[in-house]
Amino acid sequence: MSEAPVGKSETDELVDEIEQIRMRLANTVDELVERAHPRSIARHTLHSLKSRFVDENGSPKLETIVPVVAGTAAVITVIVVIRRLTR
């Protein structure tokens, strides 16, 4: 079984393709490392939380803030009332 000789241009094309694949793989690995870094995770979580309460312009989203504040106030009120009743 003899193999057909591979031309110089075909070899160069294969080397170029392998190098491109290697670069894409390196970029993918770098991106995965960045995503898994604790600081990146914290930054992403903070951004996600902030986006729930502040819009793109930096203005507060009252439709989200008001229910949270009202719920917190209700829980605190219930705790205070229960503590006073049990004393």
C-alpha atoms as a PDB file:
ATOM      1  CA  MET A   1       0.000   0.000   0.000  1.00  0.00           C
ATOM      2  CA  SER A   2       1.741   3.067  -1.174  1.00  0.00           C
ATOM      3  CA  GLU A   3       0.473   6.474  -0.194  1.00  0.00           C
ATOM      4  CA  ALA A   4       0.106   9.251  -2.688  1.00  0.00           C
ATOM      5  CA  PRO A   5       2.715  11.956  -2.185  1.00  0.00           C
ATOM      6  CA  VAL A   6       1.418  15.089  -0.503  1.00  0.00           C
ATOM      7  CA  GLY A   7       2.310  18.337  -2.183  1.00  0.00           C
ATOM      8  CA  LYS A   8       3.986  21.252  -0.408  1.00  0.00           C
ATOM      9  CA  SER A   9       0.864  23.429  -0.733  1.00  0.00           C
ATOM     10  CA  GLU A  10      -1.363  20.733   0.794  1.00  0.00           C
ATOM     11  CA  THR A  11       1.047  20.364   3.709  1.00  0.00           C
ATOM     12  CA  ASP A  12       1.120  24.120   4.210  1.00  0.00           C
ATOM     13  CA  GLU A  13      -2.689  24.231   4.167  1.00  0.00           C
ATOM     14  CA  LEU A  14      -2.871  21.480   6.770  1.00  0.00           C
ATOM     15  CA  VAL A  15      -0.327  23.240   8.985  1.00  0.00           C
ATOM     16  CA  ASP A  16      -2.290  26.511   8.685  1.00  0.00           C
ATOM     17  CA  GLU A  17      -5.555  24.744   9.510  1.00  0.00           C
ATOM     18  CA  ILE A  18      -4.008  23.032  12.539  1.00  0.00           C
ATOM     19  CA  GLU A  19      -2.633  26.375  13.739  1.00  0.00           C
ATOM     20  CA  GLN A  20      -6.057  28.029  13.393  1.00  0.00           C
ATOM     21  CA  ILE A  21      -7.693  25.199  15.327  1.00  0.00           C
ATOM     22  CA  ARG A  22      -5.013  25.477  18.015  1.00  0.00           C
ATOM     23  CA  MET A  23      -5.643  29.229  18.352  1.00  0.00           C
ATOM     24  CA  ARG A  24      -9.428  28.749  18.609  1.00  0.00           C
ATOM     25  CA  LEU A  25      -8.917  26.050  21.219  1.00  0.00           C
ATOM     26  CA  ALA A  26      -6.556  28.278  23.213  1.00  0.00           C
ATOM     27  CA  ASN A  27      -9.110  31.118  23.120  1.00  0.00           C
ATOM     28  CA  THR A  28     -11.858  28.756  24.251  1.00  0.00           C
ATOM     29  CA  VAL A  29      -9.769  27.469  27.149  1.00  0.00           C
ATOM     30  CA  ASP A  30      -8.883  31.034  28.176  1.00  0.00           C
ATOM     31  CA  GLU A  31     -12.561  31.993  28.089  1.00  0.00           C
ATOM     32  CA  LEU A  32     -13.533  28.977  30.217  1.00  0.00           C
ATOM     33  CA  VAL A  33     -10.822  29.784  32.759  1.00  0.00           C
ATOM     34  CA  GLU A  34     -12.062  33.372  32.946  1.00  0.00           C
ATOM     35  CA  ARG A  35     -15.668  32.235  33.448  1.00  0.00           C
ATOM     36  CA  ALA A  36     -14.671  29.829  36.230  1.00  0.00           C
ATOM     37  CA  HIS A  37     -12.575  32.404  38.122  1.00  0.00           C
ATOM     38  CA  PRO A  38     -14.259  33.367  41.425  1.00  0.00           C
ATOM     39  CA  ARG A  39     -13.854  37.090  40.779  1.00  0.00           C
ATOM     40  CA  SER A  40     -15.589  36.729  37.393  1.00  0.00           C
ATOM     41  CA  ILE A  41     -18.403  34.729  38.963  1.00  0.00           C
ATOM     42  CA  ALA A  42     -18.860  37.401  41.656  1.00  0.00           C
ATOM     43  CA  ARG A  43     -18.797  40.186  39.054  1.00  0.00           C
ATOM     44  CA  HIS A  44     -21.393  38.388  36.926  1.00  0.00           C
ATOM     45  CA  THR A  45     -23.625  37.737  39.951  1.00  0.00           C
ATOM     46  CA  LEU A  46     -23.406  41.369  41.056  1.00  0.00           C
ATOM     47  CA  HIS A  47     -24.229  42.573  37.541  1.00  0.00           C
ATOM     48  CA  SER A  48     -27.199  40.201  37.385  1.00  0.00           C
ATOM     49  CA  LEU A  49     -28.505  41.355  40.763  1.00  0.00           C
ATOM     50  CA  LYS A  50     -27.954  45.024  39.914  1.00  0.00           C
ATOM     51  CA  SER A  51     -29.787  44.639  36.596  1.00  0.00           C
ATOM     52  CA  ARG A  52     -32.885  43.520  38.516  1.00  0.00           C
ATOM     53  CA  PHE A  53     -33.047  46.781  40.455  1.00  0.00           C
ATOM     54  CA  VAL A  54     -31.469  49.346  38.089  1.00  0.00           C
ATOM     55  CA  ASP A  55     -32.227  49.886  34.388  1.00  0.00           C
ATOM     56  CA  GLU A  56     -29.705  50.582  31.604  1.00  0.00           C
ATOM     57  CA  ASN A  57     -29.817  54.338  32.300  1.00  0.00           C
ATOM     58  CA  GLY A  58     -28.993  53.904  35.981  1.00  0.00           C
ATOM     59  CA  SER A  59     -32.517  54.713  37.132  1.00  0.00           C
ATOM     60  CA  PRO A  60     -34.055  52.519  39.833  1.00  0.00           C
ATOM     61  CA  LYS A  61     -36.686  50.006  38.718  1.00  0.00           C
ATOM     62  CA  LEU A  62     -39.525  50.855  41.105  1.00  0.00           C
ATOM     63  CA  GLU A  63     -41.624  47.924  39.902  1.00  0.00           C
ATOM     64  CA  THR A  64     -38.977  45.651  41.431  1.00  0.00           C
ATOM     65  CA  ILE A  65     -37.834  47.731  44.401  1.00  0.00           C
ATOM     66  CA  VAL A  66     -41.265  48.543  45.873  1.00  0.00           C
ATOM     67  CA  PRO A  67     -42.390  44.910  46.332  1.00  0.00           C
ATOM     68  CA  VAL A  68     -39.050  43.986  47.917  1.00  0.00           C
ATOM     69  CA  VAL A  69     -39.211  46.902  50.353  1.00  0.00           C
ATOM     70  CA  ALA A  70     -42.893  46.210  51.142  1.00  0.00           C
ATOM     71  CA  GLY A  71     -42.189  42.524  51.723  1.00  0.00           C
ATOM     72  CA  THR A  72     -39.237  43.327  53.982  1.00  0.00           C
ATOM     73  CA  ALA A  73     -41.322  45.809  55.962  1.00  0.00           C
ATOM     74  CA  ALA A  74     -44.118  43.233  56.323  1.00  0.00           C
ATOM     75  CA  VAL A  75     -41.727  40.572  57.613  1.00  0.00           C
ATOM     76  CA  ILE A  76     -40.176  42.995  60.118  1.00  0.00           C
ATOM     77  CA  THR A  77     -43.658  44.076  61.275  1.00  0.00           C
ATOM     78  CA  VAL A  78     -44.735  40.463  61.801  1.00  0.00           C
ATOM     79  CA  ILE A  79     -41.562  39.710  63.787  1.00  0.00           C
ATOM     80  CA  VAL A  80     -42.051  42.791  66.008  1.00  0.00           C
ATOM     81  CA  VAL A  81     -45.722  41.966  66.627  1.00  0.00           C
ATOM     82  CA  ILE A  82     -44.943  38.341  67.488  1.00  0.00           C
ATOM     83  CA  ARG A  83     -42.168  39.365  69.879  1.00  0.00           C
ATOM     84  CA  ARG A  84     -44.444  41.843  71.645  1.00  0.00           C
ATOM     85  CA  LEU A  85     -47.254  39.310  71.966  1.00  0.00           C
ATOM     86  CA  THR A  86     -44.961  36.665  73.437  1.00  0.00           C
ATOM     87  CA  ARG A  87     -43.524  38.920  76.153  1.00  0.00           C
END
